[in-house]
Amino acid sequence: MEKKLLLASGSPRRKELLTLLGYHFDVIRTDVEEQQKLLETPRQYVERLSKDKALAGLQIENEAVVIGSDTIVVCDSKVLEKPSNFEHAKQMLMTLSNRAHQVMTAVTIVSREQQHTVVVTTDVWFKRLSEEEIEQYWQTGEPCDKAGGYGIQGIGGRFVIRIEGSYHAVVGLPLFETDQLLHKFL
């Protein structure tokens, strides 16, 4: 009997990306606090969040295979969370302006029998941003729920000069790595 596949994420982007891989799955929302712990590195943080989400999903349906994922933006070893308001978004985007930063996406897949996690890090370079561009971008509403205050797959993509790594990981779910992990479960 084939196991039920669950995506423990409310992200429409992750749902869209997992659909591209051709798997049949259901979406469940889990309530996991996204707060970096003292002395926790960005990599440890994103890995823990993806595990917490997957394990929370397994608590809901313990016969399923559950995918948990999280994406963070890191600049100068500091995690840039989702902006709380315009000033916060402006500060983050000015920090990212005219330089490189990292986007880390962790994917954890769990079942009752096994658990596997992968972290994919992609380098992203931004052009120099003006305050006017940042304000116009904020007005679109796109930065509000995005780590680092931007979405590469949307209007925020206009700020990106180049990337080294996985585009899909920056969007929210690395396709190759997720597919490879799923082969261990299904």
N, C-alpha and C. Protein backbone atom coordinates (compact mmCIF):
# COMPACT_ATOMS: atom_id res chain seq x y z
N MET A 1 0.84 -1.19 0.00
CA MET A 1 0.00 0.00 0.00
C MET A 1 0.88 1.25 0.00
N GLU A 2 0.57 2.17 -0.88
CA GLU A 2 1.37 3.38 -0.98
C GLU A 2 1.05 4.33 0.18
N LYS A 3 2.10 4.90 0.73
CA LYS A 3 1.92 5.82 1.85
C LYS A 3 1.38 7.16 1.38
N LYS A 4 0.61 7.79 2.24
CA LYS A 4 0.08 9.12 1.97
C LYS A 4 1.21 10.13 2.12
N LEU A 5 1.30 11.06 1.20
CA LEU A 5 2.33 12.10 1.24
C LEU A 5 1.69 13.42 1.67
N LEU A 6 2.33 14.06 2.66
CA LEU A 6 1.83 15.34 3.17
C LEU A 6 2.91 16.40 3.07
N LEU A 7 2.52 17.59 2.70
CA LEU A 7 3.40 18.75 2.71
C LEU A 7 2.98 19.61 3.90
N ALA A 8 3.86 19.71 4.89
CA ALA A 8 3.57 20.47 6.11
C ALA A 8 4.00 21.92 5.89
N SER A 9 3.22 22.63 5.07
CA SER A 9 3.57 24.01 4.74
C SER A 9 2.35 24.73 4.20
N GLY A 10 2.20 25.98 4.61
CA GLY A 10 1.12 26.80 4.07
C GLY A 10 1.58 27.61 2.86
N SER A 11 2.84 27.42 2.45
CA SER A 11 3.40 28.21 1.35
C SER A 11 2.84 27.78 0.00
N PRO A 12 2.19 28.70 -0.71
CA PRO A 12 1.71 28.35 -2.05
C PRO A 12 2.86 28.03 -3.01
N ARG A 13 4.02 28.64 -2.77
CA ARG A 13 5.18 28.38 -3.63
C ARG A 13 5.67 26.95 -3.45
N ARG A 14 5.74 26.46 -2.21
CA ARG A 14 6.18 25.08 -2.00
C ARG A 14 5.18 24.09 -2.61
N LYS A 15 3.91 24.38 -2.46
CA LYS A 15 2.88 23.52 -3.04
C LYS A 15 3.06 23.45 -4.56
N GLU A 16 3.27 24.59 -5.18
CA GLU A 16 3.47 24.67 -6.63
C GLU A 16 4.71 23.88 -7.06
N LEU A 17 5.81 24.03 -6.32
CA LEU A 17 7.05 23.35 -6.66
C LEU A 17 6.93 21.83 -6.50
N LEU A 18 6.30 21.39 -5.41
CA LEU A 18 6.14 19.95 -5.21
C LEU A 18 5.23 19.36 -6.29
N THR A 19 4.25 20.11 -6.72
CA THR A 19 3.37 19.68 -7.81
C THR A 19 4.17 19.45 -9.09
N LEU A 20 5.17 20.28 -9.33
CA LEU A 20 6.02 20.12 -10.52
C LEU A 20 6.71 18.76 -10.56
N LEU A 21 6.98 18.19 -9.38
CA LEU A 21 7.65 16.89 -9.33
C LEU A 21 6.70 15.73 -9.65
N GLY A 22 5.40 16.01 -9.70
CA GLY A 22 4.44 14.99 -10.10
C GLY A 22 3.91 14.11 -8.99
N TYR A 23 4.19 14.44 -7.75
CA TYR A 23 3.68 13.64 -6.64
C TYR A 23 2.26 14.07 -6.27
N HIS A 24 1.47 13.09 -5.81
CA HIS A 24 0.14 13.40 -5.28
C HIS A 24 0.31 13.57 -3.77
N PHE A 25 -0.18 14.70 -3.24
CA PHE A 25 0.01 14.99 -1.82
C PHE A 25 -1.10 15.88 -1.31
N ASP A 26 -1.22 15.92 0.00
CA ASP A 26 -2.14 16.83 0.66
C ASP A 26 -1.30 17.84 1.43
N VAL A 27 -1.89 19.00 1.68
CA VAL A 27 -1.22 20.06 2.43
C VAL A 27 -1.82 20.14 3.82
N ILE A 28 -0.94 20.20 4.82
CA ILE A 28 -1.41 20.43 6.18
C ILE A 28 -0.61 21.60 6.75
N ARG A 29 -1.24 22.35 7.60
CA ARG A 29 -0.55 23.46 8.25
C ARG A 29 -0.17 23.04 9.66
N THR A 30 1.07 23.36 10.02
CA THR A 30 1.53 23.07 11.37
C THR A 30 1.86 24.39 12.04
N ASP A 31 1.78 24.40 13.34
CA ASP A 31 2.05 25.62 14.09
C ASP A 31 3.41 25.46 14.78
N VAL A 32 4.45 25.93 14.11
CA VAL A 32 5.81 25.83 14.63
C VAL A 32 6.35 27.24 14.84
N GLU A 33 6.85 27.49 16.05
CA GLU A 33 7.41 28.81 16.34
C GLU A 33 8.72 28.99 15.58
N GLU A 34 8.81 30.09 14.83
CA GLU A 34 10.01 30.38 14.05
C GLU A 34 10.83 31.44 14.76
N GLN A 35 11.64 30.97 15.70
CA GLN A 35 12.46 31.85 16.51
C GLN A 35 13.84 31.24 16.65
N GLN A 36 14.87 31.96 16.19
CA GLN A 36 16.22 31.44 16.29
C GLN A 36 16.65 31.41 17.75
N LYS A 37 17.27 30.29 18.15
CA LYS A 37 17.73 30.15 19.53
C LYS A 37 19.11 30.78 19.70
N LEU A 38 19.40 31.15 20.90
CA LEU A 38 20.71 31.71 21.24
C LEU A 38 21.80 30.71 20.86
N LEU A 39 22.84 31.17 20.22
CA LEU A 39 23.99 30.37 19.79
C LEU A 39 23.69 29.37 18.68
N GLU A 40 22.49 29.38 18.13
CA GLU A 40 22.13 28.51 17.03
C GLU A 40 22.60 29.16 15.72
N THR A 41 23.37 28.43 14.91
CA THR A 41 23.83 28.98 13.64
C THR A 41 22.64 29.06 12.67
N PRO A 42 22.74 29.89 11.64
CA PRO A 42 21.65 29.92 10.65
C PRO A 42 21.34 28.53 10.08
N ARG A 43 22.38 27.75 9.77
CA ARG A 43 22.15 26.40 9.22
C ARG A 43 21.41 25.52 10.22
N GLN A 44 21.83 25.55 11.49
CA GLN A 44 21.15 24.75 12.53
C GLN A 44 19.69 25.20 12.67
N TYR A 45 19.48 26.49 12.59
CA TYR A 45 18.14 27.07 12.73
C TYR A 45 17.20 26.58 11.63
N VAL A 46 17.62 26.72 10.38
CA VAL A 46 16.75 26.34 9.26
C VAL A 46 16.51 24.83 9.24
N GLU A 47 17.54 24.08 9.62
CA GLU A 47 17.41 22.62 9.70
C GLU A 47 16.40 22.23 10.78
N ARG A 48 16.50 22.87 11.94
CA ARG A 48 15.58 22.58 13.05
C ARG A 48 14.14 22.91 12.66
N LEU A 49 13.95 24.06 12.01
CA LEU A 49 12.58 24.45 11.61
C LEU A 49 11.98 23.43 10.65
N SER A 50 12.76 22.97 9.68
CA SER A 50 12.21 22.00 8.72
C SER A 50 11.86 20.69 9.44
N LYS A 51 12.71 20.27 10.38
CA LYS A 51 12.43 19.04 11.15
C LYS A 51 11.20 19.22 12.03
N ASP A 52 11.12 20.36 12.72
CA ASP A 52 9.97 20.62 13.59
C ASP A 52 8.66 20.58 12.80
N LYS A 53 8.66 21.17 11.60
CA LYS A 53 7.44 21.19 10.77
C LYS A 53 7.07 19.78 10.31
N ALA A 54 8.08 19.02 9.86
CA ALA A 54 7.81 17.65 9.40
C ALA A 54 7.29 16.78 10.55
N LEU A 55 7.95 16.87 11.71
CA LEU A 55 7.54 16.06 12.87
C LEU A 55 6.17 16.47 13.39
N ALA A 56 5.85 17.76 13.32
CA ALA A 56 4.51 18.22 13.72
C ALA A 56 3.46 17.63 12.78
N GLY A 57 3.79 17.54 11.50
CA GLY A 57 2.87 16.93 10.54
C GLY A 57 2.68 15.44 10.81
N LEU A 58 3.77 14.77 11.19
CA LEU A 58 3.71 13.33 11.50
C LEU A 58 2.84 13.08 12.73
N GLN A 59 2.82 14.04 13.66
CA GLN A 59 1.95 13.92 14.85
C GLN A 59 0.48 13.93 14.42
N ILE A 60 0.18 14.69 13.37
CA ILE A 60 -1.20 14.79 12.88
C ILE A 60 -1.60 13.51 12.15
N GLU A 61 -0.71 13.00 11.30
CA GLU A 61 -0.98 11.76 10.56
C GLU A 61 0.24 10.87 10.63
N ASN A 62 0.26 9.95 11.59
CA ASN A 62 1.48 9.18 11.84
C ASN A 62 1.74 8.03 10.88
N GLU A 63 0.84 7.79 9.94
CA GLU A 63 1.07 6.76 8.92
C GLU A 63 1.59 7.37 7.63
N ALA A 64 1.73 8.68 7.59
CA ALA A 64 2.09 9.37 6.36
C ALA A 64 3.61 9.58 6.23
N VAL A 65 4.00 10.01 5.03
CA VAL A 65 5.33 10.53 4.78
C VAL A 65 5.13 12.04 4.72
N VAL A 66 5.89 12.77 5.54
CA VAL A 66 5.66 14.22 5.68
C VAL A 66 6.91 15.00 5.28
N ILE A 67 6.67 16.03 4.49
CA ILE A 67 7.74 16.94 4.07
C ILE A 67 7.60 18.24 4.86
N GLY A 68 8.68 18.63 5.52
CA GLY A 68 8.75 19.92 6.19
C GLY A 68 9.87 20.71 5.54
N SER A 69 9.69 22.00 5.39
CA SER A 69 10.72 22.81 4.75
C SER A 69 10.69 24.21 5.30
N ASP A 70 11.85 24.85 5.28
CA ASP A 70 11.93 26.25 5.68
C ASP A 70 13.04 26.92 4.89
N THR A 71 12.87 28.21 4.64
CA THR A 71 13.84 29.00 3.89
C THR A 71 14.19 30.23 4.70
N ILE A 72 15.51 30.51 4.79
CA ILE A 72 15.95 31.73 5.46
C ILE A 72 16.94 32.46 4.55
N VAL A 73 17.03 33.75 4.79
CA VAL A 73 18.00 34.60 4.10
C VAL A 73 19.05 35.00 5.13
N VAL A 74 20.32 34.85 4.75
CA VAL A 74 21.43 35.10 5.66
C VAL A 74 22.39 36.10 5.03
N CYS A 75 22.73 37.14 5.79
CA CYS A 75 23.71 38.12 5.34
C CYS A 75 24.63 38.43 6.52
N ASP A 76 25.92 38.31 6.30
CA ASP A 76 26.91 38.51 7.37
C ASP A 76 26.61 37.62 8.57
N SER A 77 26.25 36.37 8.31
CA SER A 77 25.93 35.36 9.34
C SER A 77 24.70 35.70 10.18
N LYS A 78 23.93 36.69 9.74
CA LYS A 78 22.72 37.09 10.46
C LYS A 78 21.49 36.69 9.64
N VAL A 79 20.50 36.09 10.32
CA VAL A 79 19.28 35.67 9.65
C VAL A 79 18.36 36.88 9.48
N LEU A 80 17.91 37.10 8.24
CA LEU A 80 16.95 38.16 7.96
C LEU A 80 15.57 37.52 7.85
N GLU A 81 14.74 37.72 8.86
CA GLU A 81 13.42 37.10 8.93
C GLU A 81 12.45 37.83 8.00
N LYS A 82 11.17 37.51 8.13
CA LYS A 82 10.15 38.24 7.38
C LYS A 82 10.01 39.63 8.00
N PRO A 83 9.88 40.66 7.16
CA PRO A 83 9.81 42.02 7.72
C PRO A 83 8.51 42.26 8.50
N SER A 84 8.64 42.99 9.61
CA SER A 84 7.48 43.27 10.44
C SER A 84 6.75 44.54 9.99
N ASN A 85 7.47 45.42 9.27
CA ASN A 85 6.86 46.65 8.77
C ASN A 85 7.77 47.23 7.68
N PHE A 86 7.38 48.38 7.13
CA PHE A 86 8.15 48.98 6.04
C PHE A 86 9.58 49.30 6.44
N GLU A 87 9.77 49.88 7.61
CA GLU A 87 11.13 50.25 8.05
C GLU A 87 12.03 49.02 8.16
N HIS A 88 11.46 47.95 8.68
CA HIS A 88 12.21 46.70 8.81
C HIS A 88 12.59 46.16 7.42
N ALA A 89 11.63 46.17 6.50
CA ALA A 89 11.89 45.70 5.13
C ALA A 89 12.95 46.58 4.45
N LYS A 90 12.85 47.88 4.65
CA LYS A 90 13.80 48.81 4.05
C LYS A 90 15.22 48.54 4.57
N GLN A 91 15.32 48.34 5.87
CA GLN A 91 16.62 48.06 6.50
C GLN A 91 17.22 46.77 5.92
N MET A 92 16.39 45.72 5.78
CA MET A 92 16.89 44.46 5.24
C MET A 92 17.33 44.61 3.79
N LEU A 93 16.49 45.24 2.98
CA LEU A 93 16.82 45.37 1.56
C LEU A 93 18.04 46.26 1.34
N MET A 94 18.22 47.27 2.18
CA MET A 94 19.44 48.10 2.08
C MET A 94 20.68 47.28 2.47
N THR A 95 20.51 46.36 3.42
CA THR A 95 21.60 45.47 3.80
C THR A 95 21.98 44.56 2.64
N LEU A 96 21.00 44.10 1.88
CA LEU A 96 21.25 43.19 0.75
C LEU A 96 21.73 43.92 -0.50
N SER A 97 21.51 45.22 -0.54
CA SER A 97 21.83 46.03 -1.72
C SER A 97 23.30 45.96 -2.12
N ASN A 98 23.53 45.72 -3.41
CA ASN A 98 24.86 45.78 -4.02
C ASN A 98 25.86 44.77 -3.43
N ARG A 99 25.37 43.59 -3.09
CA ARG A 99 26.26 42.58 -2.52
C ARG A 99 25.63 41.20 -2.58
N ALA A 100 26.38 40.21 -2.11
CA ALA A 100 25.88 38.83 -2.08
C ALA A 100 25.33 38.48 -0.71
N HIS A 101 24.39 37.56 -0.70
CA HIS A 101 23.89 36.97 0.53
C HIS A 101 23.58 35.50 0.24
N GLN A 102 23.21 34.76 1.27
CA GLN A 102 22.89 33.35 1.11
C GLN A 102 21.42 33.11 1.42
N VAL A 103 20.85 32.20 0.66
CA VAL A 103 19.51 31.70 0.96
C VAL A 103 19.68 30.22 1.28
N MET A 104 19.21 29.84 2.47
CA MET A 104 19.31 28.45 2.90
C MET A 104 17.90 27.86 2.98
N THR A 105 17.72 26.75 2.30
CA THR A 105 16.46 26.03 2.40
C THR A 105 16.75 24.63 2.91
N ALA A 106 16.06 24.27 3.97
CA ALA A 106 16.17 22.92 4.53
C ALA A 106 14.90 22.16 4.19
N VAL A 107 15.08 20.89 3.83
CA VAL A 107 13.96 20.00 3.58
C VAL A 107 14.15 18.78 4.47
N THR A 108 13.13 18.45 5.23
CA THR A 108 13.14 17.24 6.05
C THR A 108 11.96 16.39 5.63
N ILE A 109 12.23 15.11 5.42
CA ILE A 109 11.16 14.17 5.13
C ILE A 109 11.19 13.12 6.23
N VAL A 110 10.01 12.86 6.81
CA VAL A 110 9.91 11.91 7.91
C VAL A 110 8.78 10.92 7.68
N SER A 111 8.96 9.75 8.24
CA SER A 111 7.90 8.75 8.39
C SER A 111 8.13 8.16 9.77
N ARG A 112 7.32 7.21 10.16
CA ARG A 112 7.54 6.58 11.46
C ARG A 112 8.86 5.84 11.48
N GLU A 113 9.32 5.37 10.30
CA GLU A 113 10.51 4.53 10.23
C GLU A 113 11.81 5.30 10.03
N GLN A 114 11.75 6.45 9.37
CA GLN A 114 13.00 7.15 9.04
C GLN A 114 12.81 8.66 8.94
N GLN A 115 13.97 9.33 8.93
CA GLN A 115 13.98 10.80 8.86
C GLN A 115 15.25 11.23 8.14
N HIS A 116 15.11 12.10 7.14
CA HIS A 116 16.26 12.60 6.40
C HIS A 116 16.10 14.11 6.18
N THR A 117 17.22 14.83 6.29
CA THR A 117 17.22 16.28 6.09
C THR A 117 18.35 16.67 5.15
N VAL A 118 18.09 17.63 4.31
CA VAL A 118 19.13 18.22 3.46
C VAL A 118 18.99 19.74 3.55
N VAL A 119 20.14 20.42 3.53
CA VAL A 119 20.13 21.89 3.50
C VAL A 119 20.83 22.32 2.22
N VAL A 120 20.16 23.17 1.46
CA VAL A 120 20.71 23.68 0.20
C VAL A 120 20.97 25.17 0.37
N THR A 121 22.21 25.58 0.12
CA THR A 121 22.59 26.99 0.24
C THR A 121 22.88 27.56 -1.14
N THR A 122 22.26 28.67 -1.44
CA THR A 122 22.43 29.35 -2.73
C THR A 122 22.93 30.77 -2.47
N ASP A 123 23.93 31.19 -3.23
CA ASP A 123 24.42 32.57 -3.15
C ASP A 123 23.63 33.42 -4.12
N VAL A 124 23.18 34.59 -3.64
CA VAL A 124 22.38 35.51 -4.45
C VAL A 124 23.03 36.89 -4.40
N TRP A 125 23.18 37.53 -5.56
CA TRP A 125 23.76 38.87 -5.64
C TRP A 125 22.67 39.86 -6.04
N PHE A 126 22.60 40.95 -5.30
CA PHE A 126 21.64 42.02 -5.58
C PHE A 126 22.34 43.20 -6.25
N LYS A 127 21.60 43.91 -7.08
CA LYS A 127 22.08 45.18 -7.62
C LYS A 127 21.99 46.24 -6.52
N ARG A 128 22.51 47.40 -6.78
CA ARG A 128 22.38 48.51 -5.83
C ARG A 128 20.92 48.99 -5.86
N LEU A 129 20.31 49.09 -4.69
CA LEU A 129 18.91 49.50 -4.59
C LEU A 129 18.81 50.93 -4.09
N SER A 130 17.88 51.66 -4.67
CA SER A 130 17.61 53.01 -4.17
C SER A 130 16.46 52.94 -3.17
N GLU A 131 16.37 53.95 -2.33
CA GLU A 131 15.27 54.00 -1.36
C GLU A 131 13.93 54.04 -2.09
N GLU A 132 13.90 54.72 -3.23
CA GLU A 132 12.67 54.82 -4.02
C GLU A 132 12.24 53.44 -4.54
N GLU A 133 13.20 52.66 -5.03
CA GLU A 133 12.88 51.30 -5.50
C GLU A 133 12.33 50.44 -4.37
N ILE A 134 12.95 50.56 -3.21
CA ILE A 134 12.51 49.77 -2.06
C ILE A 134 11.10 50.16 -1.65
N GLU A 135 10.82 51.46 -1.63
CA GLU A 135 9.48 51.93 -1.26
C GLU A 135 8.44 51.45 -2.28
N GLN A 136 8.77 51.56 -3.57
CA GLN A 136 7.85 51.08 -4.61
C GLN A 136 7.60 49.58 -4.47
N TYR A 137 8.67 48.85 -4.16
CA TYR A 137 8.54 47.40 -4.00
C TYR A 137 7.65 47.08 -2.80
N TRP A 138 7.84 47.78 -1.70
CA TRP A 138 7.02 47.57 -0.51
C TRP A 138 5.54 47.79 -0.84
N GLN A 139 5.26 48.80 -1.66
CA GLN A 139 3.87 49.13 -2.02
C GLN A 139 3.17 47.99 -2.76
N THR A 140 3.94 47.09 -3.39
CA THR A 140 3.33 45.96 -4.11
C THR A 140 2.77 44.93 -3.14
N GLY A 141 3.24 44.94 -1.88
CA GLY A 141 2.80 43.97 -0.88
C GLY A 141 3.60 42.68 -0.90
N GLU A 142 4.44 42.50 -1.91
CA GLU A 142 5.18 41.24 -2.04
C GLU A 142 6.16 40.96 -0.89
N PRO A 143 6.87 41.96 -0.38
CA PRO A 143 7.89 41.67 0.66
C PRO A 143 7.33 41.21 2.00
N CYS A 144 6.06 41.44 2.26
CA CYS A 144 5.49 41.25 3.59
C CYS A 144 5.71 39.88 4.21
N ASP A 145 5.54 38.80 3.44
CA ASP A 145 5.63 37.46 4.03
C ASP A 145 6.83 36.68 3.51
N LYS A 146 7.86 37.41 3.09
CA LYS A 146 9.03 36.75 2.51
C LYS A 146 10.26 36.94 3.39
N ALA A 147 10.98 35.84 3.61
CA ALA A 147 12.25 35.92 4.33
C ALA A 147 13.17 36.88 3.58
N GLY A 148 13.82 37.77 4.31
CA GLY A 148 14.71 38.74 3.68
C GLY A 148 13.98 39.87 2.99
N GLY A 149 12.66 39.83 3.00
CA GLY A 149 11.87 40.92 2.43
C GLY A 149 11.77 40.91 0.92
N TYR A 150 12.04 39.77 0.27
CA TYR A 150 11.87 39.73 -1.19
C TYR A 150 11.53 38.33 -1.67
N GLY A 151 10.93 38.27 -2.85
CA GLY A 151 10.64 37.00 -3.51
C GLY A 151 11.31 37.00 -4.86
N ILE A 152 12.22 36.06 -5.08
CA ILE A 152 12.96 36.00 -6.35
C ILE A 152 12.04 35.65 -7.51
N GLN A 153 10.96 34.90 -7.23
CA GLN A 153 10.06 34.45 -8.28
C GLN A 153 9.06 35.52 -8.69
N GLY A 154 9.06 36.65 -7.97
CA GLY A 154 8.12 37.72 -8.26
C GLY A 154 8.84 38.99 -8.69
N ILE A 155 8.29 40.10 -8.29
CA ILE A 155 8.85 41.41 -8.64
C ILE A 155 10.26 41.56 -8.08
N GLY A 156 10.53 40.95 -6.92
CA GLY A 156 11.84 41.03 -6.30
C GLY A 156 12.95 40.45 -7.16
N GLY A 157 12.59 39.63 -8.14
CA GLY A 157 13.57 39.06 -9.05
C GLY A 157 14.32 40.13 -9.85
N ARG A 158 13.73 41.31 -9.95
CA ARG A 158 14.39 42.39 -10.71
C ARG A 158 15.63 42.92 -10.00
N PHE A 159 15.79 42.61 -8.73
CA PHE A 159 16.96 43.07 -7.97
C PHE A 159 18.14 42.11 -8.08
N VAL A 160 17.88 40.90 -8.57
CA VAL A 160 18.88 39.83 -8.56
C VAL A 160 19.77 39.89 -9.81
N ILE A 161 21.06 40.09 -9.58
CA ILE A 161 22.03 40.13 -10.68
C ILE A 161 22.35 38.71 -11.13
N ARG A 162 22.62 37.83 -10.14
CA ARG A 162 22.92 36.43 -10.46
C ARG A 162 22.78 35.58 -9.21
N ILE A 163 22.73 34.27 -9.45
CA ILE A 163 22.72 33.32 -8.34
C ILE A 163 23.70 32.20 -8.64
N GLU A 164 24.21 31.59 -7.59
CA GLU A 164 25.01 30.37 -7.71
C GLU A 164 24.36 29.35 -6.80
N GLY A 165 23.77 28.33 -7.41
CA GLY A 165 23.09 27.31 -6.65
C GLY A 165 21.73 27.02 -7.24
N SER A 166 20.79 26.68 -6.39
CA SER A 166 19.46 26.24 -6.81
C SER A 166 18.44 27.38 -6.78
N TYR A 167 17.95 27.75 -7.95
CA TYR A 167 16.89 28.76 -8.03
C TYR A 167 15.67 28.30 -7.23
N HIS A 168 15.27 27.04 -7.41
CA HIS A 168 14.06 26.55 -6.74
C HIS A 168 14.21 26.54 -5.21
N ALA A 169 15.43 26.35 -4.73
CA ALA A 169 15.66 26.42 -3.27
C ALA A 169 15.41 27.84 -2.78
N VAL A 170 15.80 28.84 -3.58
CA VAL A 170 15.55 30.23 -3.20
C VAL A 170 14.05 30.50 -3.16
N VAL A 171 13.31 29.92 -4.09
CA VAL A 171 11.86 30.08 -4.11
C VAL A 171 11.23 29.38 -2.89
N GLY A 172 11.81 28.24 -2.47
CA GLY A 172 11.28 27.60 -1.27
C GLY A 172 11.35 26.09 -1.20
N LEU A 173 11.72 25.42 -2.32
CA LEU A 173 11.82 23.96 -2.27
C LEU A 173 12.76 23.49 -3.38
N PRO A 174 13.95 23.00 -3.00
CA PRO A 174 14.88 22.53 -4.02
C PRO A 174 14.35 21.25 -4.68
N LEU A 175 14.08 21.31 -5.98
CA LEU A 175 13.43 20.18 -6.65
C LEU A 175 14.29 18.93 -6.67
N PHE A 176 15.53 19.05 -7.09
CA PHE A 176 16.39 17.87 -7.21
C PHE A 176 16.53 17.16 -5.86
N GLU A 177 16.92 17.91 -4.83
CA GLU A 177 17.17 17.31 -3.52
C GLU A 177 15.89 16.73 -2.91
N THR A 178 14.77 17.40 -3.08
CA THR A 178 13.50 16.91 -2.54
C THR A 178 13.12 15.60 -3.23
N ASP A 179 13.27 15.55 -4.54
CA ASP A 179 12.95 14.35 -5.30
C ASP A 179 13.85 13.18 -4.86
N GLN A 180 15.15 13.46 -4.68
CA GLN A 180 16.08 12.41 -4.25
C GLN A 180 15.69 11.87 -2.87
N LEU A 181 15.33 12.76 -1.95
CA LEU A 181 14.90 12.31 -0.62
C LEU A 181 13.63 11.48 -0.69
N LEU A 182 12.67 11.91 -1.51
CA LEU A 182 11.40 11.20 -1.59
C LEU A 182 11.57 9.77 -2.10
N HIS A 183 12.58 9.54 -2.94
CA HIS A 183 12.84 8.19 -3.44
C HIS A 183 13.21 7.22 -2.31
N LYS A 184 13.67 7.75 -1.18
CA LYS A 184 14.02 6.90 -0.03
C LYS A 184 12.76 6.47 0.74
N PHE A 185 11.64 7.14 0.48
CA PHE A 185 10.42 6.92 1.25
C PHE A 185 9.30 6.27 0.45
N LEU A 186 9.22 6.59 -0.83
CA LEU A 186 8.05 6.14 -1.64
C LEU A 186 8.43 5.08 -2.64
